[in-house]
Amino acid sequence: MTGRRIDYFDDPDAPRPTRIVPGVAVAVVNEAGQLLMIRRTDNDQWSIPGGKQEVGETPIEAGRREVREETGILCEVTGLVGIFSSPRNVIEYTSNGEVRQEFSILFAGRPVGGEIATSSESQEVEWCDRNSVLKLSMTPAQRRRIRYFLEFTGEPYLE
């Protein structure tokens, strides 16, 4: 992967977004209650696996595909956690100069197969304890999503 991803949150110096691209992420939790996390290659930060939805697929299909591509784990989507689309969260891609406003659908899921493996997008893949996952280095927007997931009461977050 070439270029970097730069995440801005509540930053008055962030570049102006020019696009919104549908993205999905799946908070996959195993039977031990651990959350599947990746350390991204484009920003060296930890995150829930996810990425953009491609033409011809549903958000759920995109979520399952992204988890498989980035982690090697096959998952089942079990519910909607929320929709995060804050104009305060801007993402800049240095490889092509694209600047996006956040738009991410966060699903809950469970593993149904596969083996942990890294990819061109994930330099590390780990099952992380729910009590310590927020201690990992991550962007403020990712931290906000994970915190909401960990405190999820069944009411989806809608922004």
N, C-alpha and C. Protein backbone atom coordinates (compact mmCIF):
# COMPACT_ATOMS: atom_id res chain seq x y z
N MET A 1 0.85 -1.17 0.00
CA MET A 1 0.00 0.00 0.00
C MET A 1 0.90 1.23 0.00
N THR A 2 0.59 2.16 -0.87
CA THR A 2 1.36 3.39 -0.92
C THR A 2 0.53 4.52 -0.35
N GLY A 3 1.21 5.54 0.16
CA GLY A 3 0.50 6.66 0.74
C GLY A 3 0.07 6.39 2.16
N ARG A 4 -0.39 7.44 2.78
CA ARG A 4 -0.82 7.34 4.17
C ARG A 4 -2.26 7.79 4.30
N ARG A 5 -2.88 7.38 5.36
CA ARG A 5 -4.21 7.81 5.74
C ARG A 5 -4.02 8.72 6.94
N ILE A 6 -4.57 9.93 6.87
CA ILE A 6 -4.50 10.87 7.99
C ILE A 6 -5.91 11.16 8.46
N ASP A 7 -6.19 10.85 9.71
CA ASP A 7 -7.51 11.07 10.29
C ASP A 7 -7.50 12.35 11.11
N TYR A 8 -8.50 13.18 10.87
CA TYR A 8 -8.67 14.42 11.62
C TYR A 8 -10.01 14.33 12.36
N PHE A 9 -10.03 14.77 13.61
CA PHE A 9 -11.29 14.79 14.36
C PHE A 9 -11.35 16.09 15.14
N ASP A 10 -12.37 16.88 14.89
CA ASP A 10 -12.52 18.19 15.54
C ASP A 10 -11.29 19.04 15.36
N ASP A 11 -10.70 19.01 14.17
CA ASP A 11 -9.47 19.74 13.89
C ASP A 11 -9.78 20.89 12.92
N PRO A 12 -9.67 22.14 13.40
CA PRO A 12 -9.98 23.28 12.52
C PRO A 12 -9.03 23.39 11.34
N ASP A 13 -7.88 22.76 11.40
CA ASP A 13 -6.91 22.80 10.31
C ASP A 13 -7.05 21.64 9.33
N ALA A 14 -8.06 20.80 9.52
CA ALA A 14 -8.28 19.66 8.61
C ALA A 14 -8.65 20.17 7.22
N PRO A 15 -8.22 19.45 6.19
CA PRO A 15 -8.64 19.85 4.84
C PRO A 15 -10.15 19.67 4.67
N ARG A 16 -10.72 20.40 3.73
CA ARG A 16 -12.16 20.27 3.46
C ARG A 16 -12.44 18.97 2.72
N PRO A 17 -13.41 18.21 3.20
CA PRO A 17 -13.76 16.98 2.49
C PRO A 17 -14.43 17.30 1.15
N THR A 18 -14.19 16.42 0.19
CA THR A 18 -14.79 16.57 -1.14
C THR A 18 -15.69 15.40 -1.50
N ARG A 19 -15.69 14.36 -0.65
CA ARG A 19 -16.47 13.16 -0.94
C ARG A 19 -16.98 12.52 0.34
N ILE A 20 -18.04 11.76 0.18
CA ILE A 20 -18.49 10.82 1.21
C ILE A 20 -18.53 9.46 0.53
N VAL A 21 -17.85 8.48 1.12
CA VAL A 21 -17.78 7.14 0.55
C VAL A 21 -18.34 6.17 1.59
N PRO A 22 -19.35 5.36 1.22
CA PRO A 22 -19.90 4.41 2.19
C PRO A 22 -18.84 3.44 2.68
N GLY A 23 -18.71 3.36 3.99
CA GLY A 23 -17.78 2.43 4.61
C GLY A 23 -18.49 1.57 5.63
N VAL A 24 -17.91 0.42 5.90
CA VAL A 24 -18.48 -0.51 6.87
C VAL A 24 -17.36 -1.05 7.75
N ALA A 25 -17.72 -1.43 8.95
CA ALA A 25 -16.80 -2.10 9.86
C ALA A 25 -17.62 -3.10 10.66
N VAL A 26 -16.95 -4.17 11.09
CA VAL A 26 -17.64 -5.20 11.87
C VAL A 26 -16.86 -5.44 13.16
N ALA A 27 -17.53 -5.22 14.28
CA ALA A 27 -16.96 -5.52 15.60
C ALA A 27 -17.22 -6.99 15.86
N VAL A 28 -16.23 -7.83 15.52
CA VAL A 28 -16.35 -9.28 15.64
C VAL A 28 -15.87 -9.69 17.03
N VAL A 29 -16.72 -10.40 17.75
CA VAL A 29 -16.40 -10.85 19.11
C VAL A 29 -16.45 -12.37 19.14
N ASN A 30 -15.37 -12.97 19.67
CA ASN A 30 -15.31 -14.43 19.75
C ASN A 30 -16.01 -14.93 21.03
N GLU A 31 -16.02 -16.25 21.20
CA GLU A 31 -16.71 -16.86 22.35
C GLU A 31 -16.10 -16.45 23.69
N ALA A 32 -14.83 -16.04 23.68
CA ALA A 32 -14.17 -15.58 24.91
C ALA A 32 -14.46 -14.11 25.20
N GLY A 33 -15.25 -13.47 24.32
CA GLY A 33 -15.59 -12.07 24.52
C GLY A 33 -14.54 -11.10 24.02
N GLN A 34 -13.57 -11.59 23.24
CA GLN A 34 -12.50 -10.73 22.72
C GLN A 34 -12.91 -10.11 21.39
N LEU A 35 -12.44 -8.88 21.17
CA LEU A 35 -12.76 -8.12 19.97
C LEU A 35 -11.64 -8.27 18.95
N LEU A 36 -12.00 -8.55 17.70
CA LEU A 36 -11.03 -8.69 16.61
C LEU A 36 -10.55 -7.31 16.18
N MET A 37 -9.24 -7.10 16.23
CA MET A 37 -8.66 -5.80 15.91
C MET A 37 -7.51 -5.96 14.93
N ILE A 38 -7.29 -4.91 14.13
CA ILE A 38 -6.15 -4.88 13.22
C ILE A 38 -5.31 -3.63 13.51
N ARG A 39 -4.01 -3.74 13.25
CA ARG A 39 -3.17 -2.55 13.23
C ARG A 39 -2.94 -2.25 11.76
N ARG A 40 -3.48 -1.11 11.32
CA ARG A 40 -3.50 -0.73 9.92
C ARG A 40 -2.10 -0.45 9.38
N THR A 41 -1.89 -0.73 8.10
CA THR A 41 -0.61 -0.42 7.48
C THR A 41 -0.54 1.03 7.03
N ASP A 42 -1.69 1.68 6.81
CA ASP A 42 -1.67 3.04 6.25
C ASP A 42 -1.54 4.14 7.29
N ASN A 43 -1.78 3.82 8.57
CA ASN A 43 -1.61 4.87 9.60
C ASN A 43 -0.99 4.32 10.90
N ASP A 44 -0.68 3.03 10.93
CA ASP A 44 -0.05 2.39 12.08
C ASP A 44 -0.92 2.44 13.34
N GLN A 45 -2.22 2.58 13.18
CA GLN A 45 -3.17 2.65 14.30
C GLN A 45 -4.03 1.39 14.31
N TRP A 46 -4.55 1.08 15.50
CA TRP A 46 -5.44 -0.06 15.67
C TRP A 46 -6.86 0.33 15.30
N SER A 47 -7.60 -0.62 14.74
CA SER A 47 -8.99 -0.37 14.40
C SER A 47 -9.76 -1.67 14.27
N ILE A 48 -11.06 -1.52 14.26
CA ILE A 48 -11.95 -2.62 13.91
C ILE A 48 -11.79 -2.83 12.40
N PRO A 49 -11.77 -4.07 11.92
CA PRO A 49 -11.64 -4.27 10.48
C PRO A 49 -12.82 -3.67 9.71
N GLY A 50 -12.50 -3.08 8.57
CA GLY A 50 -13.56 -2.49 7.75
C GLY A 50 -12.98 -1.75 6.57
N GLY A 51 -13.85 -1.22 5.74
CA GLY A 51 -13.42 -0.49 4.56
C GLY A 51 -14.61 -0.06 3.74
N LYS A 52 -14.34 0.37 2.52
CA LYS A 52 -15.43 0.92 1.71
C LYS A 52 -16.27 -0.18 1.06
N GLN A 53 -17.54 0.16 0.90
CA GLN A 53 -18.47 -0.71 0.21
C GLN A 53 -18.25 -0.57 -1.28
N GLU A 54 -18.20 -1.69 -1.99
CA GLU A 54 -17.99 -1.70 -3.43
C GLU A 54 -19.33 -1.74 -4.16
N VAL A 55 -19.34 -1.26 -5.39
CA VAL A 55 -20.53 -1.33 -6.22
C VAL A 55 -20.94 -2.79 -6.37
N GLY A 56 -22.21 -3.07 -6.23
CA GLY A 56 -22.72 -4.43 -6.42
C GLY A 56 -22.81 -5.25 -5.15
N GLU A 57 -22.42 -4.68 -4.00
CA GLU A 57 -22.54 -5.44 -2.75
C GLU A 57 -23.35 -4.64 -1.73
N THR A 58 -23.96 -5.36 -0.82
CA THR A 58 -24.70 -4.73 0.27
C THR A 58 -23.71 -4.34 1.37
N PRO A 59 -24.12 -3.49 2.30
CA PRO A 59 -23.23 -3.17 3.42
C PRO A 59 -22.80 -4.42 4.19
N ILE A 60 -23.70 -5.36 4.40
CA ILE A 60 -23.35 -6.58 5.13
C ILE A 60 -22.33 -7.41 4.35
N GLU A 61 -22.53 -7.55 3.05
CA GLU A 61 -21.55 -8.27 2.23
C GLU A 61 -20.19 -7.58 2.29
N ALA A 62 -20.19 -6.24 2.23
CA ALA A 62 -18.94 -5.49 2.30
C ALA A 62 -18.25 -5.72 3.65
N GLY A 63 -19.02 -5.72 4.73
CA GLY A 63 -18.44 -5.96 6.05
C GLY A 63 -17.79 -7.33 6.16
N ARG A 64 -18.50 -8.35 5.70
CA ARG A 64 -17.93 -9.71 5.74
C ARG A 64 -16.68 -9.80 4.89
N ARG A 65 -16.71 -9.19 3.69
CA ARG A 65 -15.55 -9.22 2.80
C ARG A 65 -14.36 -8.51 3.43
N GLU A 66 -14.58 -7.33 3.98
CA GLU A 66 -13.48 -6.58 4.59
C GLU A 66 -12.85 -7.34 5.75
N VAL A 67 -13.67 -7.95 6.59
CA VAL A 67 -13.13 -8.73 7.72
C VAL A 67 -12.28 -9.88 7.19
N ARG A 68 -12.78 -10.60 6.21
CA ARG A 68 -12.03 -11.73 5.63
C ARG A 68 -10.72 -11.25 5.00
N GLU A 69 -10.79 -10.16 4.21
CA GLU A 69 -9.58 -9.67 3.52
C GLU A 69 -8.52 -9.18 4.51
N GLU A 70 -8.94 -8.49 5.56
CA GLU A 70 -7.98 -7.87 6.47
C GLU A 70 -7.51 -8.77 7.59
N THR A 71 -8.28 -9.82 7.92
CA THR A 71 -7.96 -10.64 9.09
C THR A 71 -7.87 -12.13 8.83
N GLY A 72 -8.42 -12.62 7.74
CA GLY A 72 -8.49 -14.06 7.49
C GLY A 72 -9.67 -14.73 8.17
N ILE A 73 -10.42 -13.98 8.97
CA ILE A 73 -11.55 -14.54 9.72
C ILE A 73 -12.84 -14.39 8.92
N LEU A 74 -13.61 -15.46 8.85
CA LEU A 74 -14.95 -15.41 8.26
C LEU A 74 -15.91 -15.04 9.37
N CYS A 75 -16.84 -14.12 9.10
CA CYS A 75 -17.75 -13.71 10.16
C CYS A 75 -19.19 -13.67 9.68
N GLU A 76 -20.06 -13.71 10.64
CA GLU A 76 -21.49 -13.52 10.45
C GLU A 76 -21.84 -12.18 11.08
N VAL A 77 -22.58 -11.36 10.36
CA VAL A 77 -23.05 -10.10 10.93
C VAL A 77 -24.30 -10.39 11.73
N THR A 78 -24.32 -9.92 12.98
CA THR A 78 -25.43 -10.23 13.88
C THR A 78 -26.30 -9.03 14.24
N GLY A 79 -25.86 -7.83 13.88
CA GLY A 79 -26.69 -6.67 14.19
C GLY A 79 -26.02 -5.36 13.81
N LEU A 80 -26.82 -4.31 13.89
CA LEU A 80 -26.36 -2.95 13.61
C LEU A 80 -26.02 -2.26 14.92
N VAL A 81 -24.81 -1.72 15.01
CA VAL A 81 -24.39 -0.96 16.19
C VAL A 81 -24.63 0.52 15.97
N GLY A 82 -24.37 1.00 14.75
CA GLY A 82 -24.62 2.41 14.50
C GLY A 82 -24.13 2.89 13.16
N ILE A 83 -24.49 4.12 12.85
CA ILE A 83 -24.03 4.82 11.66
C ILE A 83 -23.30 6.06 12.12
N PHE A 84 -22.04 6.17 11.74
CA PHE A 84 -21.17 7.27 12.14
C PHE A 84 -20.85 8.08 10.89
N SER A 85 -21.35 9.32 10.83
CA SER A 85 -21.12 10.16 9.66
C SER A 85 -20.96 11.61 10.09
N SER A 86 -19.94 11.86 10.84
CA SER A 86 -19.71 13.19 11.38
C SER A 86 -18.87 14.04 10.43
N PRO A 87 -19.33 15.27 10.12
CA PRO A 87 -18.48 16.16 9.35
C PRO A 87 -17.25 16.62 10.14
N ARG A 88 -17.21 16.34 11.45
CA ARG A 88 -16.04 16.65 12.28
C ARG A 88 -14.91 15.65 12.06
N ASN A 89 -15.22 14.49 11.44
CA ASN A 89 -14.21 13.46 11.17
C ASN A 89 -13.90 13.47 9.68
N VAL A 90 -12.67 13.88 9.35
CA VAL A 90 -12.22 13.99 7.98
C VAL A 90 -11.03 13.05 7.80
N ILE A 91 -11.01 12.35 6.66
CA ILE A 91 -9.95 11.40 6.37
C ILE A 91 -9.28 11.80 5.06
N GLU A 92 -7.96 12.00 5.12
CA GLU A 92 -7.18 12.38 3.96
C GLU A 92 -6.31 11.21 3.52
N TYR A 93 -6.32 10.92 2.23
CA TYR A 93 -5.50 9.87 1.65
C TYR A 93 -4.40 10.53 0.83
N THR A 94 -3.16 10.41 1.27
CA THR A 94 -2.06 11.10 0.61
C THR A 94 -1.70 10.49 -0.74
N SER A 95 -2.09 9.25 -0.98
CA SER A 95 -1.74 8.59 -2.25
C SER A 95 -2.43 9.26 -3.43
N ASN A 96 -3.64 9.79 -3.22
CA ASN A 96 -4.36 10.39 -4.34
C ASN A 96 -4.96 11.76 -4.00
N GLY A 97 -4.72 12.25 -2.79
CA GLY A 97 -5.22 13.57 -2.39
C GLY A 97 -6.70 13.60 -2.05
N GLU A 98 -7.33 12.44 -2.01
CA GLU A 98 -8.75 12.38 -1.69
C GLU A 98 -8.97 12.75 -0.22
N VAL A 99 -10.03 13.53 0.03
CA VAL A 99 -10.40 13.91 1.39
C VAL A 99 -11.87 13.58 1.57
N ARG A 100 -12.15 12.71 2.54
CA ARG A 100 -13.52 12.23 2.76
C ARG A 100 -14.08 12.69 4.10
N GLN A 101 -15.38 12.89 4.12
CA GLN A 101 -16.10 12.99 5.38
C GLN A 101 -16.41 11.56 5.80
N GLU A 102 -16.28 11.29 7.09
CA GLU A 102 -16.59 9.96 7.62
C GLU A 102 -18.00 9.53 7.24
N PHE A 103 -18.14 8.28 6.84
CA PHE A 103 -19.44 7.62 6.72
C PHE A 103 -19.18 6.15 6.94
N SER A 104 -19.47 5.67 8.14
CA SER A 104 -19.18 4.29 8.47
C SER A 104 -20.36 3.64 9.17
N ILE A 105 -20.76 2.51 8.65
CA ILE A 105 -21.80 1.69 9.30
C ILE A 105 -21.06 0.65 10.13
N LEU A 106 -21.35 0.62 11.41
CA LEU A 106 -20.71 -0.34 12.31
C LEU A 106 -21.69 -1.46 12.65
N PHE A 107 -21.28 -2.68 12.31
CA PHE A 107 -22.05 -3.86 12.61
C PHE A 107 -21.40 -4.63 13.76
N ALA A 108 -22.18 -5.47 14.42
CA ALA A 108 -21.67 -6.46 15.35
C ALA A 108 -21.60 -7.78 14.59
N GLY A 109 -20.66 -8.63 15.00
CA GLY A 109 -20.54 -9.91 14.33
C GLY A 109 -19.87 -10.94 15.19
N ARG A 110 -19.86 -12.17 14.67
CA ARG A 110 -19.19 -13.27 15.37
C ARG A 110 -18.43 -14.09 14.34
N PRO A 111 -17.30 -14.69 14.76
CA PRO A 111 -16.53 -15.50 13.82
C PRO A 111 -17.23 -16.82 13.52
N VAL A 112 -17.11 -17.27 12.27
CA VAL A 112 -17.69 -18.56 11.89
C VAL A 112 -16.66 -19.45 11.19
N GLY A 113 -15.42 -18.99 11.11
CA GLY A 113 -14.37 -19.79 10.47
C GLY A 113 -13.16 -18.94 10.13
N GLY A 114 -12.23 -19.58 9.44
CA GLY A 114 -11.02 -18.89 9.01
C GLY A 114 -9.92 -18.94 10.06
N GLU A 115 -8.78 -18.43 9.69
CA GLU A 115 -7.60 -18.37 10.56
C GLU A 115 -7.04 -16.96 10.49
N ILE A 116 -6.57 -16.45 11.61
CA ILE A 116 -5.99 -15.10 11.64
C ILE A 116 -4.83 -15.02 10.65
N ALA A 117 -4.86 -13.95 9.83
CA ALA A 117 -3.81 -13.69 8.85
C ALA A 117 -3.75 -12.19 8.60
N THR A 118 -2.56 -11.68 8.37
CA THR A 118 -2.41 -10.27 8.01
C THR A 118 -2.62 -10.11 6.50
N SER A 119 -2.65 -8.85 6.08
CA SER A 119 -2.85 -8.55 4.66
C SER A 119 -2.07 -7.28 4.32
N SER A 120 -2.23 -6.79 3.12
CA SER A 120 -1.58 -5.54 2.73
C SER A 120 -2.15 -4.36 3.52
N GLU A 121 -3.31 -4.54 4.15
CA GLU A 121 -3.95 -3.47 4.92
C GLU A 121 -3.77 -3.64 6.43
N SER A 122 -3.32 -4.81 6.87
CA SER A 122 -3.21 -5.08 8.31
C SER A 122 -1.85 -5.68 8.63
N GLN A 123 -1.06 -4.95 9.38
CA GLN A 123 0.26 -5.47 9.76
C GLN A 123 0.20 -6.37 10.98
N GLU A 124 -0.86 -6.24 11.78
CA GLU A 124 -1.11 -7.14 12.91
C GLU A 124 -2.61 -7.39 13.01
N VAL A 125 -2.97 -8.60 13.43
CA VAL A 125 -4.36 -8.97 13.68
C VAL A 125 -4.38 -9.69 15.01
N GLU A 126 -5.25 -9.24 15.91
CA GLU A 126 -5.30 -9.86 17.24
C GLU A 126 -6.71 -9.87 17.79
N TRP A 127 -6.97 -10.88 18.62
CA TRP A 127 -8.16 -10.89 19.46
C TRP A 127 -7.79 -10.13 20.73
N CYS A 128 -8.48 -9.05 21.01
CA CYS A 128 -8.13 -8.17 22.14
C CYS A 128 -9.19 -8.23 23.23
N ASP A 129 -8.72 -8.25 24.46
CA ASP A 129 -9.62 -8.24 25.61
C ASP A 129 -10.43 -6.96 25.63
N ARG A 130 -11.72 -7.07 25.85
CA ARG A 130 -12.61 -5.90 25.85
C ARG A 130 -12.20 -4.88 26.91
N ASN A 131 -11.61 -5.34 28.00
CA ASN A 131 -11.26 -4.43 29.09
C ASN A 131 -9.99 -3.62 28.80
N SER A 132 -9.21 -4.03 27.81
CA SER A 132 -7.97 -3.31 27.53
C SER A 132 -7.87 -2.77 26.11
N VAL A 133 -8.86 -3.03 25.27
CA VAL A 133 -8.78 -2.63 23.87
C VAL A 133 -8.62 -1.12 23.71
N LEU A 134 -9.23 -0.33 24.56
CA LEU A 134 -9.14 1.12 24.43
C LEU A 134 -7.77 1.67 24.82
N LYS A 135 -6.90 0.82 25.34
CA LYS A 135 -5.53 1.25 25.65
C LYS A 135 -4.64 1.23 24.41
N LEU A 136 -5.12 0.61 23.32
CA LEU A 136 -4.35 0.56 22.08
C LEU A 136 -4.31 1.94 21.43
N SER A 137 -3.28 2.17 20.63
CA SER A 137 -3.15 3.42 19.88
C SER A 137 -4.14 3.40 18.72
N MET A 138 -5.06 4.37 18.70
CA MET A 138 -6.07 4.45 17.64
C MET A 138 -6.51 5.88 17.45
N THR A 139 -7.17 6.15 16.35
CA THR A 139 -7.66 7.49 16.08
C THR A 139 -8.83 7.81 17.01
N PRO A 140 -9.09 9.10 17.25
CA PRO A 140 -10.23 9.47 18.09
C PRO A 140 -11.56 8.94 17.56
N ALA A 141 -11.76 8.95 16.26
CA ALA A 141 -13.01 8.45 15.70
C ALA A 141 -13.16 6.95 15.94
N GLN A 142 -12.07 6.20 15.78
CA GLN A 142 -12.10 4.75 16.03
C GLN A 142 -12.39 4.48 17.50
N ARG A 143 -11.77 5.24 18.39
CA ARG A 143 -11.98 5.09 19.82
C ARG A 143 -13.46 5.34 20.17
N ARG A 144 -14.05 6.35 19.53
CA ARG A 144 -15.46 6.67 19.76
C ARG A 144 -16.36 5.51 19.35
N ARG A 145 -16.08 4.93 18.18
CA ARG A 145 -16.89 3.77 17.72
C ARG A 145 -16.74 2.58 18.64
N ILE A 146 -15.51 2.27 19.05
CA ILE A 146 -15.29 1.11 19.92
C ILE A 146 -15.93 1.34 21.27
N ARG A 147 -15.79 2.53 21.80
CA ARG A 147 -16.42 2.84 23.10
C ARG A 147 -17.94 2.64 23.01
N TYR A 148 -18.53 3.13 21.91
CA TYR A 148 -19.98 2.94 21.75
C TYR A 148 -20.31 1.46 21.67
N PHE A 149 -19.53 0.69 20.92
CA PHE A 149 -19.77 -0.74 20.81
C PHE A 149 -19.68 -1.42 22.19
N LEU A 150 -18.65 -1.10 22.95
CA LEU A 150 -18.46 -1.73 24.26
C LEU A 150 -19.59 -1.41 25.23
N GLU A 151 -20.21 -0.25 25.05
CA GLU A 151 -21.30 0.19 25.93
C GLU A 151 -22.66 -0.05 25.28
N PHE A 152 -22.70 -0.75 24.16
CA PHE A 152 -23.91 -0.92 23.36
C PHE A 152 -25.04 -1.53 24.18
N THR A 153 -26.19 -0.89 24.13
CA THR A 153 -27.37 -1.37 24.87
C THR A 153 -28.47 -1.88 23.96
N GLY A 154 -28.20 -1.89 22.65
CA GLY A 154 -29.20 -2.34 21.69
C GLY A 154 -29.79 -1.19 20.89
N GLU A 155 -29.54 0.03 21.29
CA GLU A 155 -30.03 1.21 20.57
C GLU A 155 -28.93 1.69 19.62
N PRO A 156 -29.12 1.58 18.29
CA PRO A 156 -28.06 1.98 17.37
C PRO A 156 -27.71 3.46 17.49
N TYR A 157 -26.44 3.77 17.31
CA TYR A 157 -25.95 5.14 17.28
C TYR A 157 -26.23 5.68 15.89
N LEU A 158 -26.91 6.82 15.81
CA LEU A 158 -27.23 7.40 14.52
C LEU A 158 -26.74 8.83 14.49
N GLU A 159 -25.83 9.09 13.58
CA GLU A 159 -25.24 10.43 13.47
C GLU A 159 -25.30 10.87 12.02
